[in-house]
Amino acid sequence: MGPAEIPAKRRYTILDTQRWAIHLGLKFKSPPAHPFNRLKALRVTSALDNDGLRESLAVRLLDAAWSGGRDITSDAVICEIADSIGLNGQELLGKAQTVEIKERLRLQTECAIQARVFGVPTFAVDDEIFWGNDRVPLLSAYLQGKLPTDKAKVEEILSRPRAADRSRK
């Protein structure tokens, strides 16, 4: 289950997101429903071949949902946002329903999992993963060469036996 499907985590996620928005000076309304099905928005952004346009659309969609309180599961909202940055929203929605784009998103998801991505936001640099917006200072330190890690120690710790595992039924 995702965090928003667990009542205590859902409450915390909304509160924490609001705190971060205030901290960063951003507007915060949140989507009209949460959790929401993000599949259509993911497919629409995946339908773009240009990295810059894909990023621009993704940022606009996220901003519309979290700052604007808009429903990015709606075709009309997706079209309006895509059109506002010079894209053809109807064309993208159509393309997003094709087998090709569905497969592209599936492969993108597989690649992310293989890269050890397990949540958002994730920053992947070299062979390092930084997960969570609160990790940006650590990412910055790493990029400046100020965050050496002892990979051998990490592997030694991970090789130790597991003392507890929960059933995944």
N, C-alpha and C. Protein backbone atom coordinates (compact mmCIF):
# COMPACT_ATOMS: atom_id res chain seq x y z
N MET A 1 0.84 -1.19 0.00
CA MET A 1 0.00 0.00 0.00
C MET A 1 0.88 1.24 0.00
N GLY A 2 0.40 2.24 -0.72
CA GLY A 2 1.10 3.51 -0.73
C GLY A 2 0.84 4.28 0.57
N PRO A 3 1.69 5.25 0.89
CA PRO A 3 1.53 5.99 2.13
C PRO A 3 0.14 6.62 2.30
N ALA A 4 -0.44 7.11 1.22
CA ALA A 4 -1.74 7.79 1.33
C ALA A 4 -2.89 6.81 1.53
N GLU A 5 -2.60 5.51 1.45
CA GLU A 5 -3.64 4.51 1.69
C GLU A 5 -3.69 4.07 3.15
N ILE A 6 -2.74 4.53 3.95
CA ILE A 6 -2.68 4.22 5.37
C ILE A 6 -3.08 5.51 6.10
N PRO A 7 -4.19 5.50 6.84
CA PRO A 7 -4.73 6.75 7.40
C PRO A 7 -3.72 7.65 8.11
N ALA A 8 -2.91 7.13 8.99
CA ALA A 8 -1.95 7.97 9.72
C ALA A 8 -0.90 8.55 8.77
N LYS A 9 -0.45 7.77 7.80
CA LYS A 9 0.54 8.25 6.84
C LYS A 9 -0.09 9.26 5.88
N ARG A 10 -1.36 9.06 5.53
CA ARG A 10 -2.05 10.01 4.66
C ARG A 10 -2.11 11.37 5.34
N ARG A 11 -2.54 11.38 6.60
CA ARG A 11 -2.62 12.64 7.35
C ARG A 11 -1.24 13.30 7.42
N TYR A 12 -0.22 12.50 7.77
CA TYR A 12 1.12 13.04 7.89
C TYR A 12 1.64 13.57 6.55
N THR A 13 1.39 12.83 5.47
CA THR A 13 1.85 13.25 4.15
C THR A 13 1.28 14.61 3.76
N ILE A 14 -0.01 14.79 4.00
CA ILE A 14 -0.64 16.08 3.67
C ILE A 14 -0.07 17.18 4.54
N LEU A 15 0.06 16.93 5.84
CA LEU A 15 0.61 17.94 6.75
C LEU A 15 2.05 18.27 6.38
N ASP A 16 2.85 17.24 6.10
CA ASP A 16 4.25 17.46 5.76
C ASP A 16 4.39 18.22 4.44
N THR A 17 3.55 17.88 3.47
CA THR A 17 3.58 18.59 2.19
C THR A 17 3.22 20.06 2.39
N GLN A 18 2.22 20.31 3.22
CA GLN A 18 1.85 21.69 3.52
C GLN A 18 3.01 22.43 4.20
N ARG A 19 3.67 21.78 5.15
CA ARG A 19 4.82 22.40 5.82
C ARG A 19 5.91 22.77 4.83
N TRP A 20 6.23 21.83 3.92
CA TRP A 20 7.26 22.11 2.93
C TRP A 20 6.86 23.27 2.02
N ALA A 21 5.60 23.31 1.63
CA ALA A 21 5.15 24.42 0.78
C ALA A 21 5.32 25.75 1.50
N ILE A 22 4.93 25.79 2.76
CA ILE A 22 5.10 27.03 3.54
C ILE A 22 6.57 27.37 3.65
N HIS A 23 7.39 26.38 3.98
CA HIS A 23 8.83 26.58 4.14
C HIS A 23 9.48 27.12 2.86
N LEU A 24 9.01 26.63 1.71
CA LEU A 24 9.58 27.05 0.43
C LEU A 24 8.87 28.25 -0.19
N GLY A 25 7.83 28.74 0.48
CA GLY A 25 7.09 29.89 -0.04
C GLY A 25 6.21 29.56 -1.23
N LEU A 26 5.71 28.34 -1.28
CA LEU A 26 4.87 27.91 -2.39
C LEU A 26 3.40 27.88 -1.98
N LYS A 27 2.53 28.07 -2.95
CA LYS A 27 1.10 27.91 -2.70
C LYS A 27 0.80 26.44 -2.46
N PHE A 28 -0.19 26.17 -1.62
CA PHE A 28 -0.56 24.78 -1.34
C PHE A 28 -2.07 24.67 -1.23
N LYS A 29 -2.65 23.94 -2.18
CA LYS A 29 -4.08 23.64 -2.12
C LYS A 29 -4.28 22.14 -2.02
N SER A 30 -3.49 21.38 -2.71
CA SER A 30 -3.51 19.93 -2.84
C SER A 30 -4.55 19.50 -3.85
N PRO A 31 -4.38 18.32 -4.42
CA PRO A 31 -5.34 17.82 -5.40
C PRO A 31 -6.73 17.68 -4.77
N PRO A 32 -7.77 17.70 -5.59
CA PRO A 32 -9.13 17.59 -5.04
C PRO A 32 -9.42 16.22 -4.43
N ALA A 33 -8.65 15.21 -4.79
CA ALA A 33 -8.76 13.89 -4.18
C ALA A 33 -7.35 13.35 -3.98
N HIS A 34 -7.14 12.69 -2.86
CA HIS A 34 -5.81 12.13 -2.60
C HIS A 34 -5.95 10.90 -1.73
N PRO A 35 -5.39 9.77 -2.11
CA PRO A 35 -4.59 9.57 -3.30
C PRO A 35 -5.44 9.63 -4.56
N PHE A 36 -4.77 9.86 -5.68
CA PHE A 36 -5.47 9.90 -6.96
C PHE A 36 -4.73 9.02 -7.95
N ASN A 37 -5.41 8.66 -9.02
CA ASN A 37 -4.80 7.80 -10.03
C ASN A 37 -3.96 8.66 -10.98
N ARG A 38 -2.68 8.53 -10.90
CA ARG A 38 -1.75 9.36 -11.68
C ARG A 38 -1.38 8.74 -13.02
N LEU A 39 -1.96 7.59 -13.35
CA LEU A 39 -1.55 6.85 -14.54
C LEU A 39 -1.71 7.66 -15.83
N LYS A 40 -2.84 8.36 -16.00
CA LYS A 40 -3.05 9.11 -17.24
C LYS A 40 -2.00 10.22 -17.39
N ALA A 41 -1.74 10.94 -16.31
CA ALA A 41 -0.73 12.01 -16.36
C ALA A 41 0.65 11.44 -16.66
N LEU A 42 0.97 10.29 -16.09
CA LEU A 42 2.26 9.66 -16.37
C LEU A 42 2.36 9.24 -17.84
N ARG A 43 1.28 8.68 -18.37
CA ARG A 43 1.29 8.27 -19.78
C ARG A 43 1.41 9.48 -20.71
N VAL A 44 0.70 10.55 -20.39
CA VAL A 44 0.77 11.75 -21.22
C VAL A 44 2.19 12.32 -21.24
N THR A 45 2.82 12.39 -20.07
CA THR A 45 4.19 12.91 -20.05
C THR A 45 5.14 11.94 -20.75
N SER A 46 4.88 10.65 -20.62
CA SER A 46 5.73 9.66 -21.29
C SER A 46 5.56 9.69 -22.80
N ALA A 47 4.47 10.25 -23.27
CA ALA A 47 4.23 10.33 -24.72
C ALA A 47 5.12 11.37 -25.40
N LEU A 48 5.81 12.17 -24.60
CA LEU A 48 6.71 13.18 -25.17
C LEU A 48 8.12 12.61 -25.29
N ASP A 49 8.72 12.77 -26.45
CA ASP A 49 10.07 12.28 -26.68
C ASP A 49 11.13 13.28 -26.20
N ASN A 50 10.79 14.54 -26.19
CA ASN A 50 11.73 15.60 -25.81
C ASN A 50 11.81 15.70 -24.29
N ASP A 51 13.00 15.49 -23.73
CA ASP A 51 13.18 15.52 -22.27
C ASP A 51 12.75 16.84 -21.65
N GLY A 52 13.10 17.94 -22.30
CA GLY A 52 12.76 19.26 -21.77
C GLY A 52 11.27 19.50 -21.73
N LEU A 53 10.57 19.13 -22.80
CA LEU A 53 9.12 19.28 -22.83
C LEU A 53 8.45 18.35 -21.83
N ARG A 54 8.97 17.13 -21.72
CA ARG A 54 8.41 16.17 -20.77
C ARG A 54 8.54 16.70 -19.34
N GLU A 55 9.71 17.23 -19.02
CA GLU A 55 9.92 17.79 -17.68
C GLU A 55 9.02 19.00 -17.45
N SER A 56 8.92 19.86 -18.44
CA SER A 56 8.07 21.04 -18.32
C SER A 56 6.62 20.66 -18.08
N LEU A 57 6.11 19.69 -18.83
CA LEU A 57 4.73 19.26 -18.64
C LEU A 57 4.55 18.62 -17.26
N ALA A 58 5.48 17.78 -16.86
CA ALA A 58 5.38 17.12 -15.56
C ALA A 58 5.34 18.15 -14.43
N VAL A 59 6.21 19.15 -14.50
CA VAL A 59 6.24 20.19 -13.47
C VAL A 59 4.93 20.96 -13.46
N ARG A 60 4.42 21.29 -14.64
CA ARG A 60 3.14 22.02 -14.71
C ARG A 60 1.98 21.20 -14.15
N LEU A 61 1.97 19.90 -14.44
CA LEU A 61 0.91 19.04 -13.91
C LEU A 61 0.99 18.95 -12.39
N LEU A 62 2.19 18.76 -11.87
CA LEU A 62 2.36 18.70 -10.42
C LEU A 62 1.96 20.01 -9.75
N ASP A 63 2.36 21.12 -10.36
CA ASP A 63 2.01 22.43 -9.81
C ASP A 63 0.49 22.64 -9.84
N ALA A 64 -0.13 22.22 -10.92
CA ALA A 64 -1.59 22.35 -11.03
C ALA A 64 -2.28 21.57 -9.92
N ALA A 65 -1.78 20.37 -9.63
CA ALA A 65 -2.40 19.53 -8.60
C ALA A 65 -2.14 20.08 -7.20
N TRP A 66 -0.89 20.32 -6.87
CA TRP A 66 -0.53 20.64 -5.49
C TRP A 66 -0.65 22.12 -5.14
N SER A 67 -0.30 23.00 -6.06
CA SER A 67 -0.44 24.44 -5.79
C SER A 67 -1.80 24.96 -6.21
N GLY A 68 -2.33 24.42 -7.29
CA GLY A 68 -3.59 24.92 -7.82
C GLY A 68 -4.82 24.14 -7.40
N GLY A 69 -4.62 22.98 -6.80
CA GLY A 69 -5.76 22.18 -6.36
C GLY A 69 -6.58 21.62 -7.51
N ARG A 70 -5.94 21.39 -8.67
CA ARG A 70 -6.67 20.94 -9.86
C ARG A 70 -6.62 19.43 -9.98
N ASP A 71 -7.58 18.91 -10.70
CA ASP A 71 -7.73 17.47 -10.90
C ASP A 71 -6.98 17.04 -12.15
N ILE A 72 -5.76 16.54 -11.96
CA ILE A 72 -4.96 16.16 -13.13
C ILE A 72 -5.29 14.75 -13.62
N THR A 73 -6.39 14.19 -13.14
CA THR A 73 -6.91 12.96 -13.75
C THR A 73 -7.91 13.31 -14.85
N SER A 74 -8.28 14.58 -14.93
CA SER A 74 -9.27 15.06 -15.90
C SER A 74 -8.63 15.33 -17.26
N ASP A 75 -9.24 14.81 -18.31
CA ASP A 75 -8.76 15.07 -19.68
C ASP A 75 -8.72 16.57 -19.95
N ALA A 76 -9.76 17.29 -19.53
CA ALA A 76 -9.84 18.72 -19.80
C ALA A 76 -8.70 19.47 -19.13
N VAL A 77 -8.37 19.11 -17.90
CA VAL A 77 -7.28 19.79 -17.18
C VAL A 77 -5.94 19.46 -17.84
N ILE A 78 -5.73 18.19 -18.16
CA ILE A 78 -4.48 17.80 -18.82
C ILE A 78 -4.32 18.54 -20.14
N CYS A 79 -5.39 18.59 -20.94
CA CYS A 79 -5.35 19.29 -22.23
C CYS A 79 -5.01 20.77 -22.03
N GLU A 80 -5.70 21.40 -21.10
CA GLU A 80 -5.48 22.83 -20.85
C GLU A 80 -4.03 23.10 -20.47
N ILE A 81 -3.47 22.28 -19.60
CA ILE A 81 -2.09 22.48 -19.15
C ILE A 81 -1.12 22.22 -20.30
N ALA A 82 -1.32 21.15 -21.04
CA ALA A 82 -0.45 20.85 -22.19
C ALA A 82 -0.53 21.98 -23.22
N ASP A 83 -1.75 22.41 -23.53
CA ASP A 83 -1.93 23.48 -24.52
C ASP A 83 -1.26 24.78 -24.06
N SER A 84 -1.28 25.03 -22.74
CA SER A 84 -0.72 26.29 -22.21
C SER A 84 0.79 26.39 -22.41
N ILE A 85 1.46 25.25 -22.66
CA ILE A 85 2.90 25.31 -22.90
C ILE A 85 3.23 24.97 -24.36
N GLY A 86 2.22 25.11 -25.22
CA GLY A 86 2.45 24.96 -26.65
C GLY A 86 2.37 23.53 -27.17
N LEU A 87 1.85 22.63 -26.37
CA LEU A 87 1.68 21.25 -26.81
C LEU A 87 0.23 21.04 -27.25
N ASN A 88 -0.02 19.96 -27.93
CA ASN A 88 -1.38 19.63 -28.34
C ASN A 88 -1.92 18.59 -27.36
N GLY A 89 -2.71 19.07 -26.39
CA GLY A 89 -3.22 18.22 -25.34
C GLY A 89 -4.04 17.04 -25.83
N GLN A 90 -4.94 17.30 -26.79
CA GLN A 90 -5.78 16.21 -27.32
C GLN A 90 -4.93 15.14 -27.99
N GLU A 91 -3.94 15.58 -28.74
CA GLU A 91 -3.05 14.64 -29.41
C GLU A 91 -2.28 13.80 -28.39
N LEU A 92 -1.81 14.44 -27.33
CA LEU A 92 -1.07 13.72 -26.29
C LEU A 92 -1.96 12.71 -25.57
N LEU A 93 -3.20 13.10 -25.28
CA LEU A 93 -4.13 12.18 -24.63
C LEU A 93 -4.38 10.96 -25.51
N GLY A 94 -4.54 11.19 -26.80
CA GLY A 94 -4.73 10.07 -27.72
C GLY A 94 -3.51 9.16 -27.76
N LYS A 95 -2.34 9.77 -27.86
CA LYS A 95 -1.11 9.01 -27.92
C LYS A 95 -0.89 8.22 -26.62
N ALA A 96 -1.31 8.80 -25.50
CA ALA A 96 -1.14 8.15 -24.19
C ALA A 96 -1.92 6.85 -24.07
N GLN A 97 -2.93 6.67 -24.92
CA GLN A 97 -3.74 5.46 -24.86
C GLN A 97 -3.22 4.35 -25.78
N THR A 98 -2.15 4.63 -26.50
CA THR A 98 -1.62 3.62 -27.42
C THR A 98 -0.81 2.57 -26.68
N VAL A 99 -0.73 1.40 -27.28
CA VAL A 99 0.05 0.31 -26.71
C VAL A 99 1.51 0.74 -26.57
N GLU A 100 2.00 1.49 -27.56
CA GLU A 100 3.40 1.94 -27.54
C GLU A 100 3.71 2.75 -26.28
N ILE A 101 2.87 3.69 -25.95
CA ILE A 101 3.13 4.56 -24.79
C ILE A 101 2.89 3.81 -23.48
N LYS A 102 1.90 2.96 -23.45
CA LYS A 102 1.68 2.14 -22.25
C LYS A 102 2.91 1.27 -21.98
N GLU A 103 3.47 0.70 -23.04
CA GLU A 103 4.67 -0.12 -22.91
C GLU A 103 5.87 0.73 -22.52
N ARG A 104 5.96 1.95 -23.08
CA ARG A 104 7.06 2.85 -22.74
C ARG A 104 7.05 3.16 -21.24
N LEU A 105 5.87 3.48 -20.72
CA LEU A 105 5.77 3.79 -19.29
C LEU A 105 6.11 2.55 -18.45
N ARG A 106 5.66 1.39 -18.88
CA ARG A 106 5.99 0.16 -18.15
C ARG A 106 7.50 -0.05 -18.11
N LEU A 107 8.17 0.17 -19.25
CA LEU A 107 9.62 0.02 -19.31
C LEU A 107 10.33 1.10 -18.48
N GLN A 108 9.81 2.32 -18.50
CA GLN A 108 10.38 3.39 -17.67
C GLN A 108 10.28 3.02 -16.19
N THR A 109 9.14 2.43 -15.81
CA THR A 109 8.95 2.01 -14.43
C THR A 109 9.93 0.89 -14.07
N GLU A 110 10.08 -0.08 -14.97
CA GLU A 110 11.04 -1.16 -14.75
C GLU A 110 12.46 -0.62 -14.59
N CYS A 111 12.83 0.33 -15.45
CA CYS A 111 14.17 0.94 -15.36
C CYS A 111 14.36 1.65 -14.02
N ALA A 112 13.34 2.33 -13.59
CA ALA A 112 13.42 3.04 -12.30
C ALA A 112 13.61 2.03 -11.16
N ILE A 113 12.88 0.94 -11.20
CA ILE A 113 13.01 -0.08 -10.16
C ILE A 113 14.40 -0.69 -10.19
N GLN A 114 14.91 -0.98 -11.40
CA GLN A 114 16.26 -1.53 -11.52
C GLN A 114 17.32 -0.55 -11.02
N ALA A 115 17.02 0.75 -11.12
CA ALA A 115 17.94 1.78 -10.63
C ALA A 115 17.78 2.02 -9.13
N ARG A 116 16.94 1.20 -8.49
CA ARG A 116 16.68 1.26 -7.05
C ARG A 116 15.81 2.45 -6.64
N VAL A 117 15.05 3.00 -7.58
CA VAL A 117 14.12 4.08 -7.26
C VAL A 117 12.89 3.44 -6.62
N PHE A 118 12.47 3.99 -5.48
CA PHE A 118 11.30 3.43 -4.80
C PHE A 118 10.33 4.49 -4.33
N GLY A 119 10.56 5.72 -4.66
CA GLY A 119 9.65 6.79 -4.25
C GLY A 119 10.03 8.09 -4.91
N VAL A 120 9.23 9.11 -4.64
CA VAL A 120 9.48 10.42 -5.22
C VAL A 120 9.63 11.45 -4.12
N PRO A 121 10.46 12.43 -4.34
CA PRO A 121 11.39 12.53 -5.47
C PRO A 121 12.64 11.69 -5.21
N THR A 122 13.19 11.15 -6.26
CA THR A 122 14.45 10.43 -6.20
C THR A 122 15.43 11.12 -7.12
N PHE A 123 16.63 11.33 -6.62
CA PHE A 123 17.71 11.91 -7.40
C PHE A 123 18.77 10.83 -7.55
N ALA A 124 19.09 10.48 -8.79
CA ALA A 124 20.09 9.45 -9.06
C ALA A 124 21.31 10.12 -9.67
N VAL A 125 22.43 9.98 -9.00
CA VAL A 125 23.69 10.57 -9.48
C VAL A 125 24.76 9.50 -9.35
N ASP A 126 25.48 9.26 -10.44
CA ASP A 126 26.46 8.18 -10.47
C ASP A 126 25.73 6.90 -10.08
N ASP A 127 26.20 6.22 -9.08
CA ASP A 127 25.52 5.01 -8.61
C ASP A 127 24.85 5.26 -7.26
N GLU A 128 24.58 6.53 -6.97
CA GLU A 128 23.99 6.91 -5.68
C GLU A 128 22.54 7.32 -5.86
N ILE A 129 21.73 7.02 -4.86
CA ILE A 129 20.33 7.40 -4.82
C ILE A 129 20.11 8.32 -3.63
N PHE A 130 19.43 9.41 -3.87
CA PHE A 130 19.03 10.33 -2.79
C PHE A 130 17.52 10.43 -2.89
N TRP A 131 16.82 9.93 -1.87
CA TRP A 131 15.36 9.89 -1.90
C TRP A 131 14.77 10.87 -0.91
N GLY A 132 13.87 11.70 -1.42
CA GLY A 132 13.15 12.64 -0.58
C GLY A 132 13.68 14.06 -0.74
N ASN A 133 12.76 15.02 -0.72
CA ASN A 133 13.17 16.41 -0.87
C ASN A 133 14.05 16.87 0.30
N ASP A 134 13.95 16.21 1.44
CA ASP A 134 14.80 16.56 2.57
C ASP A 134 16.24 16.10 2.38
N ARG A 135 16.50 15.36 1.31
CA ARG A 135 17.86 14.88 1.03
C ARG A 135 18.62 15.82 0.08
N VAL A 136 18.00 16.89 -0.33
CA VAL A 136 18.68 17.82 -1.25
C VAL A 136 19.99 18.35 -0.66
N PRO A 137 20.07 18.69 0.64
CA PRO A 137 21.37 19.12 1.17
C PRO A 137 22.44 18.02 1.08
N LEU A 138 22.04 16.77 1.27
CA LEU A 138 22.99 15.67 1.13
C LEU A 138 23.41 15.49 -0.33
N LEU A 139 22.48 15.64 -1.24
CA LEU A 139 22.79 15.59 -2.67
C LEU A 139 23.79 16.69 -3.02
N SER A 140 23.54 17.88 -2.53
CA SER A 140 24.44 19.01 -2.79
C SER A 140 25.84 18.72 -2.26
N ALA A 141 25.92 18.19 -1.04
CA ALA A 141 27.23 17.86 -0.46
C ALA A 141 27.92 16.78 -1.30
N TYR A 142 27.17 15.79 -1.75
CA TYR A 142 27.75 14.73 -2.58
C TYR A 142 28.31 15.31 -3.87
N LEU A 143 27.54 16.19 -4.52
CA LEU A 143 27.98 16.79 -5.77
C LEU A 143 29.23 17.63 -5.59
N GLN A 144 29.44 18.14 -4.39
CA GLN A 144 30.62 18.94 -4.09
C GLN A 144 31.79 18.09 -3.59
N GLY A 145 31.59 16.77 -3.57
CA GLY A 145 32.65 15.86 -3.11
C GLY A 145 32.83 15.86 -1.61
N LYS A 146 31.84 16.33 -0.87
CA LYS A 146 31.95 16.45 0.59
C LYS A 146 31.21 15.36 1.34
N LEU A 147 30.80 14.30 0.65
CA LEU A 147 30.02 13.27 1.31
C LEU A 147 30.54 11.88 0.94
N PRO A 148 31.76 11.58 1.39
CA PRO A 148 32.29 10.25 1.08
C PRO A 148 31.55 9.20 1.90
N THR A 149 31.25 8.09 1.27
CA THR A 149 30.61 6.99 1.99
C THR A 149 31.51 5.77 1.93
N ASP A 150 31.36 4.90 2.90
CA ASP A 150 32.14 3.68 2.98
C ASP A 150 31.29 2.54 2.43
N LYS A 151 31.37 2.32 1.13
CA LYS A 151 30.54 1.31 0.49
C LYS A 151 30.84 -0.09 1.02
N ALA A 152 32.09 -0.37 1.35
CA ALA A 152 32.44 -1.68 1.90
C ALA A 152 31.72 -1.90 3.24
N LYS A 153 31.63 -0.87 4.05
CA LYS A 153 30.93 -0.97 5.34
C LYS A 153 29.44 -1.21 5.12
N VAL A 154 28.86 -0.51 4.15
CA VAL A 154 27.45 -0.70 3.84
C VAL A 154 27.20 -2.15 3.43
N GLU A 155 28.04 -2.69 2.55
CA GLU A 155 27.87 -4.07 2.09
C GLU A 155 28.05 -5.05 3.24
N GLU A 156 29.01 -4.78 4.13
CA GLU A 156 29.22 -5.66 5.29
C GLU A 156 27.97 -5.67 6.17
N ILE A 157 27.38 -4.50 6.39
CA ILE A 157 26.16 -4.42 7.21
C ILE A 157 25.01 -5.16 6.53
N LEU A 158 24.87 -4.98 5.23
CA LEU A 158 23.79 -5.64 4.49
C LEU A 158 23.97 -7.15 4.42
N SER A 159 25.18 -7.64 4.57
CA SER A 159 25.43 -9.08 4.52
C SER A 159 25.08 -9.77 5.84
N ARG A 160 24.83 -9.00 6.88
CA ARG A 160 24.46 -9.59 8.17
C ARG A 160 23.09 -10.25 8.05
N PRO A 161 22.83 -11.25 8.89
CA PRO A 161 21.53 -11.93 8.80
C PRO A 161 20.39 -11.02 9.20
N ARG A 162 19.24 -11.30 8.63
CA ARG A 162 18.01 -10.59 8.98
C ARG A 162 17.45 -11.27 10.23
N ALA A 163 17.01 -10.47 11.17
CA ALA A 163 16.50 -11.03 12.43
C ALA A 163 14.97 -11.03 12.48
N ALA A 164 14.34 -10.36 11.54
CA ALA A 164 12.87 -10.30 11.55
C ALA A 164 12.37 -10.01 10.15
N ASP A 165 11.34 -10.71 9.75
CA ASP A 165 10.66 -10.46 8.48
C ASP A 165 9.17 -10.66 8.71
N ARG A 166 8.38 -9.78 8.17
CA ARG A 166 6.91 -9.90 8.28
C ARG A 166 6.37 -10.66 7.09
N SER A 167 5.28 -11.34 7.31
CA SER A 167 4.61 -12.04 6.23
C SER A 167 4.05 -11.02 5.24
N ARG A 168 4.15 -11.29 3.96
CA ARG A 168 3.66 -10.38 2.91
C ARG A 168 2.38 -10.90 2.28
N LYS A 169 1.57 -11.60 3.06
CA LYS A 169 0.32 -12.18 2.54
C LYS A 169 -0.68 -11.12 2.22
